[in-house]
Amino acid sequence: MALNNVIELFLFINPLGTNSFDAEETVEAFSKEREEKVKISFIPLLNFNSVKKQLISEKNGLTSIENRNKMYTDSFNASLAFAAASMQGKKKARKFLMTLQKNIIENNNTFSKSLVLKSAQAAKLDIEMFEEDFNSDLVKTAFTKDQKLAQEMSVQDTLACVLFTGTGEKYGYRVDSILSKQLLHGLCSNNPIPPEISEIKNKYKFQTV
């Protein structure tokens, strides 16, 4: 639960998904518009549904076993790479992930080790430390903890966002829809908010432990 004047946001993503990349940019932009401190956590969530949705969303994506296996493997390795980058700080890790995604989504590059290292260099990571962490049990444990956190917050699929507003409420708000800055600002406001945001706020209200 967030303290007063601190907004805490957990964004559950498919590390190679277009919708996730768009949501990450929205969250980053939202954080810059708030007076409060905003703590952001990108949480890779990897399961059959997220992989299948990613394949379907691709122009020529075919949901064959071969394609599913490759997408799962690439997404798993991207998640481990993100966890390894996180060992050097959350901000650097987010920059690494968004650089990697941009190279794949906007520049049409194929996921590969060389692309991962190129993205790590662009994020100014210590490459030797990054490669060592990537192959460590610590990173695999971090990935497992992310999957458990998704279960604890009743998140079963991407894209999803859990927000603690920092307004003193003992509640978080889960949003299972396309994010916008207007929606996030509305959830953080004590003032009257548009009906469509109010409906989401009530629907996804749950008390945290």
Protein backbone atom coordinates (compact mmCIF):
# COMPACT_ATOMS: atom_id res chain seq x y z
CA MET A 1 0.00 0.00 0.00
CA ALA A 2 1.29 3.44 -0.88
CA LEU A 3 1.98 6.13 1.68
CA ASN A 4 0.34 9.54 1.44
CA ASN A 5 1.69 11.61 -1.43
CA VAL A 6 3.21 8.54 -3.06
CA ILE A 7 1.47 6.89 -6.00
CA GLU A 8 2.46 3.28 -6.58
CA LEU A 9 1.71 1.71 -9.93
CA PHE A 10 2.21 -1.88 -11.06
CA LEU A 11 1.92 -2.43 -14.81
CA PHE A 12 1.65 -6.09 -15.83
CA ILE A 13 3.01 -6.48 -19.33
CA ASN A 14 3.88 -8.82 -22.14
CA PRO A 15 7.55 -7.80 -22.53
CA LEU A 16 7.35 -7.98 -26.34
CA GLY A 17 3.76 -6.78 -26.79
CA THR A 18 2.78 -3.65 -28.72
CA ASN A 19 -0.06 -2.79 -26.34
CA SER A 20 2.31 -3.13 -23.40
CA PHE A 21 4.82 -0.76 -25.01
CA ASP A 22 2.08 1.83 -25.58
CA ALA A 23 0.91 1.48 -21.97
CA GLU A 24 4.45 1.87 -20.66
CA GLU A 25 4.79 5.18 -22.53
CA THR A 26 1.44 6.31 -21.10
CA VAL A 27 2.50 5.45 -17.55
CA GLU A 28 5.83 7.24 -17.93
CA ALA A 29 4.08 10.35 -19.27
CA PHE A 30 1.49 10.21 -16.46
CA SER A 31 4.21 10.07 -13.80
CA LYS A 32 5.80 13.28 -15.12
CA GLU A 33 2.50 15.15 -14.78
CA ARG A 34 1.95 14.30 -11.10
CA GLU A 35 3.16 16.41 -8.19
CA GLU A 36 3.37 13.32 -6.00
CA LYS A 37 6.21 10.85 -6.20
CA VAL A 38 5.22 8.03 -8.55
CA LYS A 39 6.78 4.62 -8.00
CA ILE A 40 6.48 2.55 -11.18
CA SER A 41 6.99 -1.20 -11.48
CA PHE A 42 6.81 -3.01 -14.82
CA ILE A 43 5.93 -6.65 -14.13
CA PRO A 44 6.39 -9.14 -16.99
CA LEU A 45 3.55 -11.66 -16.93
CA LEU A 46 4.06 -14.71 -19.10
CA ASN A 47 1.39 -17.33 -19.71
CA PHE A 48 -0.50 -19.01 -22.54
CA ASN A 49 -3.02 -16.17 -22.92
CA SER A 50 -0.42 -13.41 -23.23
CA VAL A 51 1.57 -15.40 -25.80
CA LYS A 52 -1.51 -16.28 -27.84
CA LYS A 53 -2.74 -12.67 -27.85
CA GLN A 54 0.67 -11.47 -29.01
CA LEU A 55 0.70 -13.94 -31.90
CA ILE A 56 -2.82 -12.96 -32.98
CA SER A 57 -1.93 -9.26 -32.84
CA GLU A 58 0.96 -9.67 -35.26
CA LYS A 59 0.20 -9.06 -38.92
CA ASN A 60 1.15 -12.54 -40.04
CA GLY A 61 1.02 -14.21 -36.67
CA LEU A 62 0.01 -17.85 -36.87
CA THR A 63 -0.81 -19.69 -33.67
CA SER A 64 1.08 -22.86 -34.58
CA ILE A 65 2.90 -24.82 -31.88
CA GLU A 66 6.23 -23.76 -33.39
CA ASN A 67 5.30 -20.07 -33.34
CA ARG A 68 3.88 -20.31 -29.82
CA ASN A 69 7.05 -21.96 -28.55
CA LYS A 70 9.26 -19.34 -30.16
CA MET A 71 7.14 -16.47 -28.85
CA TYR A 72 7.16 -17.97 -25.36
CA THR A 73 10.93 -18.48 -25.43
CA ASP A 74 11.59 -14.94 -26.71
CA SER A 75 9.21 -13.43 -24.14
CA PHE A 76 10.75 -15.50 -21.34
CA ASN A 77 14.27 -14.42 -22.29
CA ALA A 78 13.10 -10.79 -22.57
CA SER A 79 11.63 -11.10 -19.06
CA LEU A 80 14.89 -12.48 -17.69
CA ALA A 81 16.84 -9.70 -19.44
CA PHE A 82 14.54 -7.12 -17.86
CA ALA A 83 15.03 -8.72 -14.44
CA ALA A 84 18.81 -8.63 -14.98
CA ALA A 85 18.63 -4.96 -15.96
CA SER A 86 16.55 -4.27 -12.83
CA MET A 87 19.55 -5.27 -10.72
CA GLN A 88 21.06 -1.95 -11.85
CA GLY A 89 18.00 0.15 -10.98
CA LYS A 90 14.36 0.38 -11.97
CA LYS A 91 14.74 3.44 -14.19
CA LYS A 92 17.58 1.91 -16.18
CA ALA A 93 15.61 -1.32 -16.48
CA ARG A 94 12.54 0.48 -17.83
CA LYS A 95 14.71 2.34 -20.34
CA PHE A 96 16.32 -0.95 -21.38
CA LEU A 97 12.98 -2.68 -21.88
CA MET A 98 11.40 0.17 -23.83
CA THR A 99 14.50 0.44 -26.03
CA LEU A 100 14.35 -3.29 -26.73
CA GLN A 101 10.63 -3.10 -27.49
CA LYS A 102 11.09 -0.10 -29.78
CA ASN A 103 13.79 -1.93 -31.72
CA ILE A 104 11.44 -4.88 -32.23
CA ILE A 105 8.07 -3.16 -32.64
CA GLU A 106 8.97 0.03 -34.49
CA ASN A 107 12.20 -0.97 -36.22
CA ASN A 108 11.05 -4.52 -37.11
CA ASN A 109 14.12 -6.21 -35.66
CA THR A 110 14.03 -9.83 -34.55
CA PHE A 111 14.57 -10.64 -30.90
CA SER A 112 18.14 -11.84 -30.43
CA LYS A 113 21.01 -11.77 -27.95
CA SER A 114 22.79 -9.08 -29.98
CA LEU A 115 19.69 -6.88 -29.91
CA VAL A 116 19.40 -7.37 -26.16
CA LEU A 117 23.01 -6.29 -25.68
CA LYS A 118 22.55 -3.32 -28.00
CA SER A 119 19.54 -2.20 -25.95
CA ALA A 120 21.47 -2.72 -22.71
CA GLN A 121 24.28 -0.49 -24.02
CA ALA A 122 21.74 2.20 -25.00
CA ALA A 123 20.38 2.09 -21.43
CA LYS A 124 23.93 2.56 -20.12
CA LEU A 125 23.95 -0.73 -18.26
CA ASP A 126 27.15 -2.37 -17.06
CA ILE A 127 27.25 -5.08 -19.74
CA GLU A 128 29.51 -7.50 -17.88
CA MET A 129 27.28 -7.32 -14.79
CA PHE A 130 24.15 -7.56 -16.96
CA GLU A 131 25.31 -10.77 -18.67
CA GLU A 132 26.36 -12.29 -15.36
CA ASP A 133 22.99 -11.47 -13.76
CA PHE A 134 21.06 -12.75 -16.78
CA ASN A 135 22.48 -16.24 -16.24
CA SER A 136 22.02 -16.22 -12.46
CA ASP A 137 19.49 -18.05 -10.31
CA LEU A 138 18.68 -14.69 -8.70
CA VAL A 139 17.10 -13.43 -11.92
CA LYS A 140 15.04 -16.61 -12.33
CA THR A 141 13.84 -16.18 -8.75
CA ALA A 142 12.87 -12.56 -9.47
CA PHE A 143 10.84 -13.71 -12.48
CA THR A 144 9.03 -16.30 -10.35
CA LYS A 145 8.24 -13.63 -7.74
CA ASP A 146 6.68 -11.47 -10.47
CA GLN A 147 4.36 -14.32 -11.45
CA LYS A 148 3.37 -14.81 -7.80
CA LEU A 149 2.70 -11.08 -7.42
CA ALA A 150 0.30 -11.27 -10.37
CA GLN A 151 -1.57 -14.08 -8.61
CA GLU A 152 -1.74 -12.12 -5.35
CA MET A 153 -3.24 -9.14 -7.20
CA SER A 154 -5.66 -11.37 -9.15
CA VAL A 155 -4.05 -10.45 -12.45
CA GLN A 156 -4.41 -13.28 -14.95
CA ASP A 157 -3.58 -11.63 -18.24
CA THR A 158 -1.89 -8.65 -19.84
CA LEU A 159 -2.48 -5.78 -20.13
CA ALA A 160 -3.37 -4.92 -16.53
CA CYS A 161 -2.55 -2.12 -14.11
CA VAL A 162 -2.83 -2.00 -10.32
CA LEU A 163 -2.71 1.47 -8.82
CA PHE A 164 -2.39 2.65 -5.22
CA THR A 165 -3.29 6.31 -5.27
CA GLY A 166 -1.48 7.70 -2.24
CA THR A 167 -4.65 9.46 -1.04
CA GLY A 168 -4.72 7.58 2.25
CA GLU A 169 -7.18 4.93 1.05
CA LYS A 170 -6.53 1.33 2.02
CA TYR A 171 -7.47 0.19 -1.45
CA GLY A 172 -5.86 -0.38 -4.79
CA TYR A 173 -7.55 -0.17 -8.16
CA ARG A 174 -7.06 -2.75 -10.86
CA VAL A 175 -7.70 -1.73 -14.46
CA ASP A 176 -7.98 -4.43 -17.13
CA SER A 177 -8.36 -2.14 -20.10
CA ILE A 178 -6.42 0.19 -22.36
CA LEU A 179 -4.80 2.86 -20.21
CA SER A 180 -4.94 6.59 -20.73
CA LYS A 181 -3.48 9.47 -18.76
CA GLN A 182 -7.02 10.77 -18.18
CA LEU A 183 -8.04 7.47 -16.58
CA LEU A 184 -4.98 7.34 -14.32
CA HIS A 185 -5.38 10.97 -13.24
CA GLY A 186 -9.06 10.29 -12.55
CA LEU A 187 -8.26 7.34 -10.30
CA CYS A 188 -5.87 9.52 -8.29
CA SER A 189 -8.37 12.35 -7.84
CA ASN A 190 -10.65 13.00 -4.88
CA ASN A 191 -12.71 15.29 -7.08
CA PRO A 192 -15.72 14.16 -9.14
CA ILE A 193 -14.52 12.22 -12.15
CA PRO A 194 -16.17 11.28 -15.46
CA PRO A 195 -18.74 8.45 -15.22
CA GLU A 196 -16.72 6.07 -17.38
CA ILE A 197 -13.73 6.40 -15.04
CA SER A 198 -15.90 6.19 -11.93
CA GLU A 199 -17.36 2.93 -13.23
CA ILE A 200 -13.90 1.42 -13.66
CA LYS A 201 -12.83 2.70 -10.24
CA ASN A 202 -15.73 0.96 -8.53
CA LYS A 203 -15.48 -2.21 -10.57
CA TYR A 204 -11.83 -2.87 -9.81
CA LYS A 205 -11.74 -1.85 -6.17
CA PHE A 206 -10.12 -4.34 -3.84
CA GLN A 207 -8.58 -4.13 -0.44
CA THR A 208 -4.93 -5.11 -0.12
CA VAL A 209 -3.46 -7.22 2.63
